[in-house]
Amino acid sequence: MTSLKSLKKSINSTESMQSIVTTMKAHASTQIHQFERAAQASVKYRRVLDTALAVLLADEEKKPVNAMDGDRTIHIIFGSDHGLAGNFNERMSFFAANHIPKNGHNDILVVGQQIYDRLITDYTIKDSFSVPQTEDGIIPIVQRLLFKIDQLRDEAPVGKILLYYCRPLENAVTTKKKLNCFFHWIWKN
């Protein structure tokens, strides 16, 4: 039979464990809210980038493109800088890897250290950018992205530019949001 002292020690241990679990749940809840805010900011980010690229490329003269030159594609992949974002970065990197051919006709730009870490072993990444932490940080990052895109286009003709991103499904329940990964043409020569 266990002694009273042993029983008290077991109760104290259980209470300590319960406290740790409660703290972990609170931390996870905070991370979920941060992820939701990041997802909302990424939609604004994508809109700003779409608009900036549309303005930048609208005045572009249609240059004759030979078959070899028009095959080059710039892929811009959005992820996060930090972990604890559920399977967001895994899904995005898996999606991108399944859609980007491993040949010399693809220039890859990544936004987010987590995506960079997952893709660097399989692809040559031309540049990486940190994720803006506030809405005010969106415009400087977009400016840097536009500058890099312009540099890549000066190096050799580009046939198309694609954006890769995840977003929550419209009808997903808040606590169990499901993500869908997408890519869309932002520009095609």
C-alpha atoms as a PDB file:
ATOM      1  CA  MET A   1       0.000   0.000   0.000  1.00  0.00           C
ATOM      2  CA  THR A   2       1.317   3.407  -0.926  1.00  0.00           C
ATOM      3  CA  SER A   3       2.176   5.756   1.847  1.00  0.00           C
ATOM      4  CA  LEU A   4       0.468   9.088   2.414  1.00  0.00           C
ATOM      5  CA  LYS A   5       3.714  10.882   1.513  1.00  0.00           C
ATOM      6  CA  SER A   6       3.917   9.011  -1.805  1.00  0.00           C
ATOM      7  CA  LEU A   7       0.272   9.795  -2.540  1.00  0.00           C
ATOM      8  CA  LYS A   8       0.780  13.536  -1.863  1.00  0.00           C
ATOM      9  CA  LYS A   9       3.837  13.530  -4.144  1.00  0.00           C
ATOM     10  CA  SER A  10       1.786  11.885  -6.901  1.00  0.00           C
ATOM     11  CA  ILE A  11      -1.023  14.460  -6.498  1.00  0.00           C
ATOM     12  CA  ASN A  12       1.468  17.352  -6.617  1.00  0.00           C
ATOM     13  CA  SER A  13       3.068  15.865  -9.724  1.00  0.00           C
ATOM     14  CA  THR A  14      -0.335  15.540 -11.406  1.00  0.00           C
ATOM     15  CA  GLU A  15      -1.239  19.146 -10.531  1.00  0.00           C
ATOM     16  CA  SER A  16       2.090  20.350 -11.949  1.00  0.00           C
ATOM     17  CA  MET A  17       1.477  18.382 -15.142  1.00  0.00           C
ATOM     18  CA  GLN A  18      -2.025  19.883 -15.432  1.00  0.00           C
ATOM     19  CA  SER A  19      -0.528  23.366 -15.073  1.00  0.00           C
ATOM     20  CA  ILE A  20       1.982  22.631 -17.840  1.00  0.00           C
ATOM     21  CA  VAL A  21      -0.752  21.314 -20.147  1.00  0.00           C
ATOM     22  CA  THR A  22      -2.886  24.413 -19.484  1.00  0.00           C
ATOM     23  CA  THR A  23       0.097  26.639 -20.329  1.00  0.00           C
ATOM     24  CA  MET A  24       0.778  24.677 -23.530  1.00  0.00           C
ATOM     25  CA  LYS A  25      -2.871  25.001 -24.589  1.00  0.00           C
ATOM     26  CA  ALA A  26      -2.767  28.770 -24.032  1.00  0.00           C
ATOM     27  CA  HIS A  27       0.464  29.011 -26.029  1.00  0.00           C
ATOM     28  CA  ALA A  28      -1.014  26.950 -28.882  1.00  0.00           C
ATOM     29  CA  SER A  29      -4.120  29.142 -28.904  1.00  0.00           C
ATOM     30  CA  THR A  30      -1.936  32.244 -29.197  1.00  0.00           C
ATOM     31  CA  GLN A  31      -0.046  30.659 -32.091  1.00  0.00           C
ATOM     32  CA  ILE A  32      -3.329  29.876 -33.888  1.00  0.00           C
ATOM     33  CA  HIS A  33      -4.427  33.511 -33.603  1.00  0.00           C
ATOM     34  CA  GLN A  34      -1.043  34.702 -34.847  1.00  0.00           C
ATOM     35  CA  PHE A  35      -1.328  32.339 -37.812  1.00  0.00           C
ATOM     36  CA  GLU A  36      -4.837  33.625 -38.616  1.00  0.00           C
ATOM     37  CA  ARG A  37      -3.561  37.222 -38.537  1.00  0.00           C
ATOM     38  CA  ALA A  38      -0.612  36.212 -40.744  1.00  0.00           C
ATOM     39  CA  ALA A  39      -2.984  34.539 -43.210  1.00  0.00           C
ATOM     40  CA  GLN A  40      -5.111  37.697 -43.388  1.00  0.00           C
ATOM     41  CA  ALA A  41      -1.996  39.828 -43.867  1.00  0.00           C
ATOM     42  CA  SER A  42      -0.776  37.509 -46.633  1.00  0.00           C
ATOM     43  CA  VAL A  43      -3.972  38.182 -48.591  1.00  0.00           C
ATOM     44  CA  LYS A  44      -3.239  41.933 -48.377  1.00  0.00           C
ATOM     45  CA  TYR A  45       0.379  41.192 -49.227  1.00  0.00           C
ATOM     46  CA  ARG A  46      -0.638  39.253 -52.340  1.00  0.00           C
ATOM     47  CA  ARG A  47      -3.014  42.048 -53.420  1.00  0.00           C
ATOM     48  CA  VAL A  48      -0.284  44.674 -53.077  1.00  0.00           C
ATOM     49  CA  LEU A  49       2.145  42.460 -55.000  1.00  0.00           C
ATOM     50  CA  ASP A  50      -0.450  41.707 -57.708  1.00  0.00           C
ATOM     51  CA  THR A  51      -1.204  45.403 -58.141  1.00  0.00           C
ATOM     52  CA  ALA A  52       2.465  46.429 -58.135  1.00  0.00           C
ATOM     53  CA  LEU A  53       3.373  43.791 -60.703  1.00  0.00           C
ATOM     54  CA  ALA A  54       0.400  44.699 -62.879  1.00  0.00           C
ATOM     55  CA  VAL A  55       1.483  48.347 -62.895  1.00  0.00           C
ATOM     56  CA  LEU A  56       5.142  47.463 -63.469  1.00  0.00           C
ATOM     57  CA  LEU A  57       4.418  45.058 -66.299  1.00  0.00           C
ATOM     58  CA  ALA A  58       1.524  46.932 -67.944  1.00  0.00           C
ATOM     59  CA  ASP A  59       3.830  49.303 -69.805  1.00  0.00           C
ATOM     60  CA  GLU A  60       6.141  46.500 -70.828  1.00  0.00           C
ATOM     61  CA  GLU A  61       6.532  46.295 -74.567  1.00  0.00           C
ATOM     62  CA  LYS A  62       5.643  42.950 -76.044  1.00  0.00           C
ATOM     63  CA  LYS A  63       9.045  41.689 -77.084  1.00  0.00           C
ATOM     64  CA  PRO A  64       9.325  38.866 -79.565  1.00  0.00           C
ATOM     65  CA  VAL A  65      10.220  35.797 -77.543  1.00  0.00           C
ATOM     66  CA  ASN A  66      11.942  32.826 -79.086  1.00  0.00           C
ATOM     67  CA  ALA A  67      10.966  29.354 -77.902  1.00  0.00           C
ATOM     68  CA  MET A  68      13.921  28.972 -75.528  1.00  0.00           C
ATOM     69  CA  ASP A  69      13.567  32.371 -73.851  1.00  0.00           C
ATOM     70  CA  GLY A  70       9.837  32.126 -73.176  1.00  0.00           C
ATOM     71  CA  ASP A  71      10.226  28.966 -71.125  1.00  0.00           C
ATOM     72  CA  ARG A  72      11.761  30.748 -68.139  1.00  0.00           C
ATOM     73  CA  THR A  73       9.432  31.166 -65.152  1.00  0.00           C
ATOM     74  CA  ILE A  74       9.783  33.103 -61.900  1.00  0.00           C
ATOM     75  CA  HIS A  75       8.119  31.282 -58.989  1.00  0.00           C
ATOM     76  CA  ILE A  76       7.400  33.340 -55.834  1.00  0.00           C
ATOM     77  CA  ILE A  77       6.551  31.087 -52.879  1.00  0.00           C
ATOM     78  CA  PHE A  78       5.038  32.440 -49.653  1.00  0.00           C
ATOM     79  CA  GLY A  79       5.566  30.757 -46.289  1.00  0.00           C
ATOM     80  CA  SER A  80       6.381  31.857 -42.745  1.00  0.00           C
ATOM     81  CA  ASP A  81       9.554  32.784 -40.895  1.00  0.00           C
ATOM     82  CA  HIS A  82       8.752  30.793 -37.765  1.00  0.00           C
ATOM     83  CA  GLY A  83       7.550  27.298 -37.008  1.00  0.00           C
ATOM     84  CA  LEU A  84       4.508  26.462 -34.919  1.00  0.00           C
ATOM     85  CA  ALA A  85       2.221  27.331 -37.833  1.00  0.00           C
ATOM     86  CA  GLY A  86       0.691  23.887 -38.004  1.00  0.00           C
ATOM     87  CA  ASN A  87       1.294  22.186 -41.321  1.00  0.00           C
ATOM     88  CA  PHE A  88       1.246  25.458 -43.260  1.00  0.00           C
ATOM     89  CA  ASN A  89       4.901  25.392 -44.371  1.00  0.00           C
ATOM     90  CA  GLU A  90       4.925  21.657 -45.025  1.00  0.00           C
ATOM     91  CA  ARG A  91       1.849  21.905 -47.240  1.00  0.00           C
ATOM     92  CA  MET A  92       3.193  24.922 -49.096  1.00  0.00           C
ATOM     93  CA  SER A  93       6.617  23.400 -49.750  1.00  0.00           C
ATOM     94  CA  PHE A  94       5.075  20.076 -50.817  1.00  0.00           C
ATOM     95  CA  PHE A  95       2.660  21.891 -53.143  1.00  0.00           C
ATOM     96  CA  ALA A  96       5.439  24.010 -54.670  1.00  0.00           C
ATOM     97  CA  ALA A  97       7.739  21.004 -55.111  1.00  0.00           C
ATOM     98  CA  ASN A  98       4.964  19.175 -56.965  1.00  0.00           C
ATOM     99  CA  HIS A  99       4.389  22.090 -59.354  1.00  0.00           C
ATOM    100  CA  ILE A 100       7.881  23.448 -60.034  1.00  0.00           C
ATOM    101  CA  PRO A 101       9.957  21.421 -62.499  1.00  0.00           C
ATOM    102  CA  LYS A 102      13.570  20.830 -61.498  1.00  0.00           C
ATOM    103  CA  ASN A 103      15.203  22.345 -64.533  1.00  0.00           C
ATOM    104  CA  GLY A 104      17.223  25.451 -65.331  1.00  0.00           C
ATOM    105  CA  HIS A 105      14.223  27.376 -66.640  1.00  0.00           C
ATOM    106  CA  ASN A 106      12.843  28.237 -63.191  1.00  0.00           C
ATOM    107  CA  ASP A 107      13.899  31.094 -60.926  1.00  0.00           C
ATOM    108  CA  ILE A 108      12.639  30.677 -57.387  1.00  0.00           C
ATOM    109  CA  LEU A 109      12.078  33.466 -54.872  1.00  0.00           C
ATOM    110  CA  VAL A 110      10.821  32.596 -51.395  1.00  0.00           C
ATOM    111  CA  VAL A 111       9.180  34.665 -48.709  1.00  0.00           C
ATOM    112  CA  GLY A 112       9.724  33.030 -45.329  1.00  0.00           C
ATOM    113  CA  GLN A 113      12.652  31.173 -43.790  1.00  0.00           C
ATOM    114  CA  GLN A 114      10.651  27.992 -43.213  1.00  0.00           C
ATOM    115  CA  ILE A 115       9.919  27.591 -46.946  1.00  0.00           C
ATOM    116  CA  TYR A 116      13.533  28.389 -47.779  1.00  0.00           C
ATOM    117  CA  ASP A 117      14.778  25.675 -45.405  1.00  0.00           C
ATOM    118  CA  ARG A 118      12.435  23.104 -46.956  1.00  0.00           C
ATOM    119  CA  LEU A 119      13.213  23.865 -50.623  1.00  0.00           C
ATOM    120  CA  ILE A 120      16.930  24.709 -50.617  1.00  0.00           C
ATOM    121  CA  THR A 121      18.034  21.075 -50.865  1.00  0.00           C
ATOM    122  CA  ASP A 122      16.050  20.477 -54.073  1.00  0.00           C
ATOM    123  CA  TYR A 123      16.151  23.871 -55.804  1.00  0.00           C
ATOM    124  CA  THR A 124      18.462  26.785 -56.431  1.00  0.00           C
ATOM    125  CA  ILE A 125      16.757  29.715 -54.762  1.00  0.00           C
ATOM    126  CA  LYS A 126      17.611  33.062 -56.331  1.00  0.00           C
ATOM    127  CA  ASP A 127      16.647  35.114 -53.255  1.00  0.00           C
ATOM    128  CA  SER A 128      14.709  34.909 -50.010  1.00  0.00           C
ATOM    129  CA  PHE A 129      12.788  37.556 -48.122  1.00  0.00           C
ATOM    130  CA  SER A 130      11.508  37.741 -44.581  1.00  0.00           C
ATOM    131  CA  VAL A 131       7.783  37.807 -43.952  1.00  0.00           C
ATOM    132  CA  PRO A 132       6.522  41.298 -43.084  1.00  0.00           C
ATOM    133  CA  GLN A 133       5.574  41.406 -39.410  1.00  0.00           C
ATOM    134  CA  THR A 134       3.122  44.285 -39.826  1.00  0.00           C
ATOM    135  CA  GLU A 135       1.032  45.768 -42.604  1.00  0.00           C
ATOM    136  CA  ASP A 136       3.504  48.665 -42.732  1.00  0.00           C
ATOM    137  CA  GLY A 137       6.225  46.145 -43.561  1.00  0.00           C
ATOM    138  CA  ILE A 138       4.434  44.860 -46.659  1.00  0.00           C
ATOM    139  CA  ILE A 139       5.384  47.665 -49.045  1.00  0.00           C
ATOM    140  CA  PRO A 140       9.184  47.527 -48.411  1.00  0.00           C
ATOM    141  CA  ILE A 141       9.216  43.749 -48.977  1.00  0.00           C
ATOM    142  CA  VAL A 142       7.123  44.115 -52.140  1.00  0.00           C
ATOM    143  CA  GLN A 143       9.557  46.780 -53.355  1.00  0.00           C
ATOM    144  CA  ARG A 144      12.488  44.410 -52.778  1.00  0.00           C
ATOM    145  CA  LEU A 145      10.609  41.615 -54.576  1.00  0.00           C
ATOM    146  CA  LEU A 146       9.873  43.886 -57.541  1.00  0.00           C
ATOM    147  CA  PHE A 147      13.508  44.942 -57.698  1.00  0.00           C
ATOM    148  CA  LYS A 148      14.628  41.297 -57.730  1.00  0.00           C
ATOM    149  CA  ILE A 149      12.062  40.390 -60.408  1.00  0.00           C
ATOM    150  CA  ASP A 150      13.336  43.279 -62.518  1.00  0.00           C
ATOM    151  CA  GLN A 151      16.924  42.023 -62.072  1.00  0.00           C
ATOM    152  CA  LEU A 152      15.942  38.503 -63.142  1.00  0.00           C
ATOM    153  CA  ARG A 153      14.114  39.869 -66.182  1.00  0.00           C
ATOM    154  CA  ASP A 154      17.212  41.880 -67.129  1.00  0.00           C
ATOM    155  CA  GLU A 155      19.354  38.719 -66.948  1.00  0.00           C
ATOM    156  CA  ALA A 156      17.187  36.803 -69.425  1.00  0.00           C
ATOM    157  CA  PRO A 157      13.651  36.976 -70.852  1.00  0.00           C
ATOM    158  CA  VAL A 158      10.916  35.613 -68.598  1.00  0.00           C
ATOM    159  CA  GLY A 159       7.816  33.908 -69.973  1.00  0.00           C
ATOM    160  CA  LYS A 160       5.701  33.994 -66.821  1.00  0.00           C
ATOM    161  CA  ILE A 161       5.596  34.843 -63.123  1.00  0.00           C
ATOM    162  CA  LEU A 162       3.684  32.632 -60.667  1.00  0.00           C
ATOM    163  CA  LEU A 163       2.712  33.242 -57.023  1.00  0.00           C
ATOM    164  CA  TYR A 164       2.344  30.260 -54.651  1.00  0.00           C
ATOM    165  CA  TYR A 165       0.410  30.682 -51.415  1.00  0.00           C
ATOM    166  CA  CYS A 166      -1.955  28.976 -48.975  1.00  0.00           C
ATOM    167  CA  ARG A 167      -5.177  30.382 -47.645  1.00  0.00           C
ATOM    168  CA  PRO A 168      -7.867  29.112 -45.303  1.00  0.00           C
ATOM    169  CA  LEU A 169     -10.936  27.635 -46.958  1.00  0.00           C
ATOM    170  CA  GLU A 170     -13.881  30.013 -46.861  1.00  0.00           C
ATOM    171  CA  ASN A 171     -16.276  27.824 -44.862  1.00  0.00           C
ATOM    172  CA  ALA A 172     -13.755  26.301 -42.464  1.00  0.00           C
ATOM    173  CA  VAL A 173     -14.540  26.404 -38.749  1.00  0.00           C
ATOM    174  CA  THR A 174     -12.252  28.882 -36.975  1.00  0.00           C
ATOM    175  CA  THR A 175     -10.621  26.379 -34.629  1.00  0.00           C
ATOM    176  CA  LYS A 176      -9.984  23.804 -37.356  1.00  0.00           C
ATOM    177  CA  LYS A 177      -9.253  25.878 -40.419  1.00  0.00           C
ATOM    178  CA  LYS A 178      -8.318  23.891 -43.461  1.00  0.00           C
ATOM    179  CA  LEU A 179      -5.730  25.286 -45.843  1.00  0.00           C
ATOM    180  CA  ASN A 180      -5.739  25.144 -49.584  1.00  0.00           C
ATOM    181  CA  CYS A 181      -2.563  25.847 -51.507  1.00  0.00           C
ATOM    182  CA  PHE A 182      -2.748  27.691 -54.805  1.00  0.00           C
ATOM    183  CA  PHE A 183      -0.654  29.226 -57.487  1.00  0.00           C
ATOM    184  CA  HIS A 184      -1.806  31.753 -60.011  1.00  0.00           C
ATOM    185  CA  TRP A 185      -0.355  33.532 -62.985  1.00  0.00           C
ATOM    186  CA  ILE A 186       0.549  37.057 -62.103  1.00  0.00           C
ATOM    187  CA  TRP A 187       2.018  37.732 -65.509  1.00  0.00           C
ATOM    188  CA  LYS A 188       2.486  35.840 -68.724  1.00  0.00           C
ATOM    189  CA  ASN A 189       4.444  37.081 -71.721  1.00  0.00           C
END
